[in-house]
Amino acid sequence: MMTAVSVFLVVMTISMGAILSIFDANRKSESSKTVMDNLNFAVEAMSREIRFGKNYHCGTGGNITLPQNCLSGDSFISFLSSDGIQIVYKLTGSSIEKSVDGGNTYIAVTAPEININSLAFFVVGANPPPDTLQPKVLIKISGNAGTKINTMSGFTLQTLASQRLIDN
């Protein structure tokens, strides 16, 4: 009888440990999914605005309202939206920020749980004709998601957005 109780206690202890481990893994998964959904939404909104925009200016140098290519990549892009608003995206610290007033004020578009290590915009075809290339912006983002060291997940995202307006 004592042996049966001992075996039962050992089995129950192991089972409870497994169940608690599953609950912890579920919490980590839910947290990771929420953070990555936020990042996905931010990148999708950014690329949609870029696709329907024009006059892409990559880099902080010069007049941000004039088109400028950036073949080596930069963490700053400015463009004229389809609504005629000068939009700016840039990396500040470990978050991506957006300005809708030409770079005077910025708001974060990524959640605090997302640490952006690098953001690069590569712009080709931004120069006006006789440039024969349709303007394109390649966006590359890398970083990690999560606030705790043991639950952080690294990521690298890359997307290409081409201008929808015919470049004439």
C-alpha atoms as a PDB file:
ATOM      1  CA  MET A   1       0.000   0.000   0.000  1.00  0.00           C
ATOM      2  CA  MET A   2       2.809   2.415   0.884  1.00  0.00           C
ATOM      3  CA  THR A   3       4.602   1.606  -2.378  1.00  0.00           C
ATOM      4  CA  ALA A   4       1.463   2.359  -4.417  1.00  0.00           C
ATOM      5  CA  VAL A   5       1.052   5.754  -2.705  1.00  0.00           C
ATOM      6  CA  SER A   6       4.734   6.584  -3.305  1.00  0.00           C
ATOM      7  CA  VAL A   7       4.516   5.675  -6.997  1.00  0.00           C
ATOM      8  CA  PHE A   8       1.297   7.702  -7.289  1.00  0.00           C
ATOM      9  CA  LEU A   9       2.951  10.769  -5.709  1.00  0.00           C
ATOM     10  CA  VAL A  10       5.974  10.522  -8.020  1.00  0.00           C
ATOM     11  CA  VAL A  11       3.740  10.208 -11.098  1.00  0.00           C
ATOM     12  CA  MET A  12       1.564  13.147  -9.972  1.00  0.00           C
ATOM     13  CA  THR A  13       4.601  15.344  -9.284  1.00  0.00           C
ATOM     14  CA  ILE A  14       6.027  14.636 -12.746  1.00  0.00           C
ATOM     15  CA  SER A  15       2.606  15.194 -14.340  1.00  0.00           C
ATOM     16  CA  MET A  16       2.118  18.543 -12.572  1.00  0.00           C
ATOM     17  CA  GLY A  17       5.582  19.646 -13.705  1.00  0.00           C
ATOM     18  CA  ALA A  18       4.692  18.771 -17.297  1.00  0.00           C
ATOM     19  CA  ILE A  19       1.389  20.618 -17.090  1.00  0.00           C
ATOM     20  CA  LEU A  20       3.038  23.734 -15.644  1.00  0.00           C
ATOM     21  CA  SER A  21       5.655  23.568 -18.383  1.00  0.00           C
ATOM     22  CA  ILE A  22       2.923  23.407 -21.020  1.00  0.00           C
ATOM     23  CA  PHE A  23       1.166  26.430 -19.501  1.00  0.00           C
ATOM     24  CA  ASP A  24       4.451  28.375 -19.548  1.00  0.00           C
ATOM     25  CA  ALA A  25       5.073  27.437 -23.197  1.00  0.00           C
ATOM     26  CA  ASN A  26       1.533  28.527 -24.059  1.00  0.00           C
ATOM     27  CA  ARG A  27       2.053  31.931 -22.383  1.00  0.00           C
ATOM     28  CA  LYS A  28       5.311  32.391 -24.301  1.00  0.00           C
ATOM     29  CA  SER A  29       3.618  31.442 -27.563  1.00  0.00           C
ATOM     30  CA  GLU A  30       0.704  33.841 -26.991  1.00  0.00           C
ATOM     31  CA  SER A  31       3.076  36.663 -26.067  1.00  0.00           C
ATOM     32  CA  SER A  32       5.244  36.035 -29.112  1.00  0.00           C
ATOM     33  CA  LYS A  33       2.210  35.907 -31.405  1.00  0.00           C
ATOM     34  CA  THR A  34       0.883  39.243 -30.107  1.00  0.00           C
ATOM     35  CA  VAL A  35       4.243  40.950 -30.566  1.00  0.00           C
ATOM     36  CA  MET A  36       4.746  39.546 -34.063  1.00  0.00           C
ATOM     37  CA  ASP A  37       1.194  40.529 -35.063  1.00  0.00           C
ATOM     38  CA  ASN A  38       2.025  44.110 -34.028  1.00  0.00           C
ATOM     39  CA  LEU A  39       5.209  44.044 -36.092  1.00  0.00           C
ATOM     40  CA  ASN A  40       3.373  42.538 -39.063  1.00  0.00           C
ATOM     41  CA  PHE A  41       0.727  45.272 -38.884  1.00  0.00           C
ATOM     42  CA  ALA A  42       3.370  48.030 -38.688  1.00  0.00           C
ATOM     43  CA  VAL A  43       5.330  46.683 -41.678  1.00  0.00           C
ATOM     44  CA  GLU A  44       2.173  46.142 -43.727  1.00  0.00           C
ATOM     45  CA  ALA A  45       0.935  49.698 -43.041  1.00  0.00           C
ATOM     46  CA  MET A  46       4.360  51.141 -43.864  1.00  0.00           C
ATOM     47  CA  SER A  47       4.684  49.225 -47.148  1.00  0.00           C
ATOM     48  CA  ARG A  48       1.112  50.106 -48.186  1.00  0.00           C
ATOM     49  CA  GLU A  49       1.764  53.817 -47.669  1.00  0.00           C
ATOM     50  CA  ILE A  50       5.052  53.558 -49.561  1.00  0.00           C
ATOM     51  CA  ARG A  51       3.393  51.716 -52.483  1.00  0.00           C
ATOM     52  CA  PHE A  52       0.820  54.449 -52.952  1.00  0.00           C
ATOM     53  CA  GLY A  53       3.287  57.285 -52.281  1.00  0.00           C
ATOM     54  CA  LYS A  54       5.773  59.063 -54.529  1.00  0.00           C
ATOM     55  CA  ASN A  55       8.912  61.229 -54.379  1.00  0.00           C
ATOM     56  CA  TYR A  56      10.851  58.795 -52.171  1.00  0.00           C
ATOM     57  CA  HIS A  57      13.762  60.413 -50.347  1.00  0.00           C
ATOM     58  CA  CYS A  58      16.103  58.004 -48.599  1.00  0.00           C
ATOM     59  CA  GLY A  59      18.579  59.369 -46.035  1.00  0.00           C
ATOM     60  CA  THR A  60      18.563  62.433 -43.833  1.00  0.00           C
ATOM     61  CA  GLY A  61      20.729  64.558 -46.142  1.00  0.00           C
ATOM     62  CA  GLY A  62      19.249  67.219 -48.408  1.00  0.00           C
ATOM     63  CA  ASN A  63      15.679  68.379 -48.875  1.00  0.00           C
ATOM     64  CA  ILE A  64      13.401  65.510 -47.802  1.00  0.00           C
ATOM     65  CA  THR A  65      10.722  66.578 -50.312  1.00  0.00           C
ATOM     66  CA  LEU A  66      13.032  65.906 -53.293  1.00  0.00           C
ATOM     67  CA  PRO A  67      13.460  62.343 -54.597  1.00  0.00           C
ATOM     68  CA  GLN A  68      16.744  60.666 -53.670  1.00  0.00           C
ATOM     69  CA  ASN A  69      17.969  57.123 -54.301  1.00  0.00           C
ATOM     70  CA  CYS A  70      19.693  55.154 -51.590  1.00  0.00           C
ATOM     71  CA  LEU A  71      21.488  52.105 -52.925  1.00  0.00           C
ATOM     72  CA  SER A  72      23.493  51.419 -49.765  1.00  0.00           C
ATOM     73  CA  GLY A  73      20.518  51.693 -47.397  1.00  0.00           C
ATOM     74  CA  ASP A  74      19.559  54.135 -44.664  1.00  0.00           C
ATOM     75  CA  SER A  75      17.295  54.057 -41.599  1.00  0.00           C
ATOM     76  CA  PHE A  76      15.329  57.126 -42.784  1.00  0.00           C
ATOM     77  CA  ILE A  77      12.797  57.517 -45.590  1.00  0.00           C
ATOM     78  CA  SER A  78      10.487  60.345 -46.539  1.00  0.00           C
ATOM     79  CA  PHE A  79       7.822  60.395 -49.248  1.00  0.00           C
ATOM     80  CA  LEU A  80       4.666  62.158 -50.355  1.00  0.00           C
ATOM     81  CA  SER A  81       1.592  60.077 -49.521  1.00  0.00           C
ATOM     82  CA  SER A  82      -1.379  59.618 -51.859  1.00  0.00           C
ATOM     83  CA  ASP A  83      -3.157  62.244 -49.695  1.00  0.00           C
ATOM     84  CA  GLY A  84      -0.392  64.807 -50.291  1.00  0.00           C
ATOM     85  CA  ILE A  85       1.095  64.466 -46.775  1.00  0.00           C
ATOM     86  CA  GLN A  86       4.876  64.322 -46.279  1.00  0.00           C
ATOM     87  CA  ILE A  87       5.433  61.093 -44.334  1.00  0.00           C
ATOM     88  CA  VAL A  88       8.695  60.123 -42.631  1.00  0.00           C
ATOM     89  CA  TYR A  89       9.731  56.764 -41.174  1.00  0.00           C
ATOM     90  CA  LYS A  90      12.924  56.371 -39.165  1.00  0.00           C
ATOM     91  CA  LEU A  91      14.625  54.225 -36.567  1.00  0.00           C
ATOM     92  CA  THR A  92      14.935  55.873 -33.168  1.00  0.00           C
ATOM     93  CA  GLY A  93      16.622  53.793 -30.499  1.00  0.00           C
ATOM     94  CA  SER A  94      14.965  50.396 -30.814  1.00  0.00           C
ATOM     95  CA  SER A  95      11.627  51.416 -32.343  1.00  0.00           C
ATOM     96  CA  ILE A  96      10.333  52.534 -35.715  1.00  0.00           C
ATOM     97  CA  GLU A  97       8.758  55.985 -35.638  1.00  0.00           C
ATOM     98  CA  LYS A  98       6.472  57.797 -38.077  1.00  0.00           C
ATOM     99  CA  SER A  99       5.870  61.467 -38.734  1.00  0.00           C
ATOM    100  CA  VAL A 100       2.926  62.852 -40.698  1.00  0.00           C
ATOM    101  CA  ASP A 101       4.058  66.483 -40.498  1.00  0.00           C
ATOM    102  CA  GLY A 102       7.300  66.351 -42.448  1.00  0.00           C
ATOM    103  CA  GLY A 103       9.467  65.226 -39.538  1.00  0.00           C
ATOM    104  CA  ASN A 104       8.478  67.688 -36.796  1.00  0.00           C
ATOM    105  CA  THR A 105       6.793  65.195 -34.455  1.00  0.00           C
ATOM    106  CA  TYR A 106       7.049  61.416 -34.336  1.00  0.00           C
ATOM    107  CA  ILE A 107       5.025  58.551 -32.892  1.00  0.00           C
ATOM    108  CA  ALA A 108       6.201  54.951 -32.419  1.00  0.00           C
ATOM    109  CA  VAL A 109       4.610  52.395 -34.749  1.00  0.00           C
ATOM    110  CA  THR A 110       6.138  49.332 -33.101  1.00  0.00           C
ATOM    111  CA  ALA A 111       5.266  47.993 -29.660  1.00  0.00           C
ATOM    112  CA  PRO A 112       7.730  48.451 -26.771  1.00  0.00           C
ATOM    113  CA  GLU A 113       8.171  44.657 -26.624  1.00  0.00           C
ATOM    114  CA  ILE A 114       9.792  44.760 -30.080  1.00  0.00           C
ATOM    115  CA  ASN A 115      13.471  45.766 -30.153  1.00  0.00           C
ATOM    116  CA  ILE A 116      14.509  46.821 -33.631  1.00  0.00           C
ATOM    117  CA  ASN A 117      18.269  46.350 -34.040  1.00  0.00           C
ATOM    118  CA  SER A 118      18.451  47.562 -37.627  1.00  0.00           C
ATOM    119  CA  LEU A 119      16.135  49.187 -40.137  1.00  0.00           C
ATOM    120  CA  ALA A 120      17.265  49.838 -43.687  1.00  0.00           C
ATOM    121  CA  PHE A 121      15.458  51.366 -46.647  1.00  0.00           C
ATOM    122  CA  PHE A 122      16.995  50.824 -50.078  1.00  0.00           C
ATOM    123  CA  VAL A 123      15.518  53.093 -52.774  1.00  0.00           C
ATOM    124  CA  VAL A 124      16.067  52.749 -56.529  1.00  0.00           C
ATOM    125  CA  GLY A 125      14.398  54.643 -59.378  1.00  0.00           C
ATOM    126  CA  ALA A 126      13.469  57.675 -57.280  1.00  0.00           C
ATOM    127  CA  ASN A 127      15.170  60.130 -59.622  1.00  0.00           C
ATOM    128  CA  PRO A 128      12.871  61.834 -62.132  1.00  0.00           C
ATOM    129  CA  PRO A 129      13.062  60.970 -65.868  1.00  0.00           C
ATOM    130  CA  PRO A 130      15.218  60.262 -67.848  1.00  0.00           C
ATOM    131  CA  ASP A 131      15.618  57.613 -65.078  1.00  0.00           C
ATOM    132  CA  THR A 132      13.815  54.644 -66.625  1.00  0.00           C
ATOM    133  CA  LEU A 133      13.389  52.618 -63.420  1.00  0.00           C
ATOM    134  CA  GLN A 134      10.039  52.371 -61.690  1.00  0.00           C
ATOM    135  CA  PRO A 135      10.646  53.541 -58.075  1.00  0.00           C
ATOM    136  CA  LYS A 136      11.038  50.700 -55.562  1.00  0.00           C
ATOM    137  CA  VAL A 137      11.744  50.584 -51.849  1.00  0.00           C
ATOM    138  CA  LEU A 138      13.255  47.525 -50.181  1.00  0.00           C
ATOM    139  CA  ILE A 139      12.671  47.468 -46.431  1.00  0.00           C
ATOM    140  CA  LYS A 140      14.833  45.265 -44.209  1.00  0.00           C
ATOM    141  CA  ILE A 141      14.190  45.015 -40.473  1.00  0.00           C
ATOM    142  CA  SER A 142      15.941  42.858 -37.897  1.00  0.00           C
ATOM    143  CA  GLY A 143      15.594  42.648 -34.155  1.00  0.00           C
ATOM    144  CA  ASN A 144      14.083  40.578 -31.397  1.00  0.00           C
ATOM    145  CA  ALA A 145      10.657  40.267 -29.861  1.00  0.00           C
ATOM    146  CA  GLY A 146       9.901  39.827 -26.189  1.00  0.00           C
ATOM    147  CA  THR A 147      10.898  41.444 -22.930  1.00  0.00           C
ATOM    148  CA  LYS A 148      12.464  38.512 -21.076  1.00  0.00           C
ATOM    149  CA  ILE A 149      15.811  37.043 -22.103  1.00  0.00           C
ATOM    150  CA  ASN A 150      14.570  33.440 -22.023  1.00  0.00           C
ATOM    151  CA  THR A 151      11.488  34.230 -24.161  1.00  0.00           C
ATOM    152  CA  MET A 152      13.080  36.547 -26.776  1.00  0.00           C
ATOM    153  CA  SER A 153      12.812  35.530 -30.405  1.00  0.00           C
ATOM    154  CA  GLY A 154      15.023  36.985 -33.119  1.00  0.00           C
ATOM    155  CA  PHE A 155      13.617  37.950 -36.515  1.00  0.00           C
ATOM    156  CA  THR A 156      14.587  39.422 -39.863  1.00  0.00           C
ATOM    157  CA  LEU A 157      11.922  40.758 -42.205  1.00  0.00           C
ATOM    158  CA  GLN A 158      12.324  41.992 -45.742  1.00  0.00           C
ATOM    159  CA  THR A 159       9.713  43.364 -48.143  1.00  0.00           C
ATOM    160  CA  LEU A 160       9.749  45.200 -51.435  1.00  0.00           C
ATOM    161  CA  ALA A 161       7.258  47.935 -52.302  1.00  0.00           C
ATOM    162  CA  SER A 162       7.099  49.406 -55.793  1.00  0.00           C
ATOM    163  CA  GLN A 163       5.400  52.696 -56.544  1.00  0.00           C
ATOM    164  CA  ARG A 164       1.916  52.148 -58.001  1.00  0.00           C
ATOM    165  CA  LEU A 165       1.902  55.395 -59.993  1.00  0.00           C
ATOM    166  CA  ILE A 166       3.553  55.131 -63.384  1.00  0.00           C
ATOM    167  CA  ASP A 167       6.882  56.966 -63.232  1.00  0.00           C
ATOM    168  CA  ASN A 168       6.765  59.540 -66.039  1.00  0.00           C
END
